[in-house]
Amino acid sequence: MNCISPGWIDTGANPQHSAPDIRQHPAGRVGAPSDIANMALYLCSEAASFISGENITIDGGMSRLMVYHDDCGWIYAPPEES
């Protein structure tokens, strides 16, 4: 058995995301339902027949960052590009 743990996925309920909300994702965007569906399809395919007992996090890298723009006053400020 495998598990998919989705992160912030834009289901269309709130199509307006602020620029900092989008930029804070290491992937540079909010997730889409197709990101989750593609993993589910892959896990159902023969190509994944030897994958077992895994929890696959699909969150654009946010679980590595673990903080969200404007939570408790924290404001995302990306490093300045040189």
Protein backbone atom coordinates (compact mmCIF):
# COMPACT_ATOMS: atom_id res chain seq x y z
CA MET A 1 0.00 0.00 0.00
CA ASN A 2 1.20 3.48 -0.83
CA CYS A 3 -0.05 6.87 0.30
CA ILE A 4 -0.15 10.25 -1.44
CA SER A 5 0.02 13.26 0.88
CA PRO A 6 -0.95 16.37 -1.08
CA GLY A 7 0.08 19.85 -0.07
CA TRP A 8 -1.50 23.10 -1.18
CA ILE A 9 -3.55 22.17 -4.25
CA ASP A 10 -5.56 24.78 -6.14
CA THR A 11 -8.94 23.13 -6.65
CA GLY A 12 -10.48 26.30 -8.07
CA ALA A 13 -12.26 27.23 -4.83
CA ASN A 14 -9.90 30.20 -4.37
CA PRO A 15 -8.39 31.08 -7.74
CA GLN A 16 -6.85 34.31 -6.41
CA HIS A 17 -3.45 33.67 -4.85
CA SER A 18 -1.15 36.50 -3.86
CA ALA A 19 2.22 36.72 -5.56
CA PRO A 20 4.08 35.95 -2.30
CA ASP A 21 1.86 32.90 -1.76
CA ILE A 22 2.86 31.57 -5.16
CA ARG A 23 6.56 32.52 -4.98
CA GLN A 24 7.09 30.97 -1.55
CA HIS A 25 6.66 27.47 -3.01
CA PRO A 26 10.08 26.07 -3.89
CA ALA A 27 8.44 24.76 -7.10
CA GLY A 28 7.37 28.34 -7.93
CA ARG A 29 3.66 27.60 -8.17
CA VAL A 30 0.66 26.28 -6.29
CA GLY A 31 -0.16 22.63 -7.00
CA ALA A 32 -2.84 21.48 -9.43
CA PRO A 33 -5.17 18.49 -9.14
CA SER A 34 -3.31 16.96 -12.10
CA ASP A 35 -0.13 16.83 -9.95
CA ILE A 36 -1.91 14.41 -7.62
CA ALA A 37 -3.70 12.53 -10.40
CA ASN A 38 -0.43 11.95 -12.27
CA MET A 39 1.14 10.35 -9.21
CA ALA A 40 -1.93 8.16 -8.64
CA LEU A 41 -1.80 7.02 -12.27
CA TYR A 42 1.91 6.30 -11.98
CA LEU A 43 1.42 4.26 -8.81
CA CYS A 44 -1.27 2.24 -10.60
CA SER A 45 1.04 1.53 -13.54
CA GLU A 46 3.41 -1.37 -14.07
CA ALA A 47 6.31 1.10 -13.83
CA ALA A 48 5.62 1.40 -10.07
CA SER A 49 5.14 -2.31 -9.42
CA PHE A 50 8.09 -2.47 -6.99
CA ILE A 51 7.10 0.58 -4.93
CA SER A 52 5.45 -0.48 -1.71
CA GLY A 53 4.76 1.08 1.68
CA GLU A 54 5.64 4.63 0.69
CA ASN A 55 4.17 7.97 1.67
CA ILE A 56 4.68 10.31 -1.27
CA THR A 57 4.40 14.00 -0.42
CA ILE A 58 3.37 16.21 -3.32
CA ASP A 59 3.56 19.78 -2.05
CA GLY A 60 5.99 21.65 -4.30
CA GLY A 61 8.64 21.53 -1.57
CA MET A 62 6.58 23.32 1.09
CA SER A 63 7.16 20.60 3.69
CA ARG A 64 10.83 21.56 3.53
CA LEU A 65 10.01 25.24 4.08
CA MET A 66 7.32 24.60 6.75
CA VAL A 67 6.12 28.17 7.04
CA TYR A 68 3.52 30.09 5.07
CA HIS A 69 3.42 33.72 3.96
CA ASP A 70 1.62 35.94 6.49
CA ASP A 71 1.37 33.21 9.18
CA CYS A 72 1.92 34.80 12.59
CA GLY A 73 3.26 37.93 10.93
CA TRP A 74 5.95 36.14 8.90
CA ILE A 75 6.31 37.67 5.45
CA TYR A 76 7.98 35.75 2.64
CA ALA A 77 10.84 37.76 1.19
CA PRO A 78 12.82 35.82 -1.40
CA PRO A 79 16.56 36.35 -1.48
CA GLU A 80 17.60 39.14 -3.79
CA GLU A 81 18.93 37.95 -7.10
CA SER A 82 22.44 39.06 -7.94
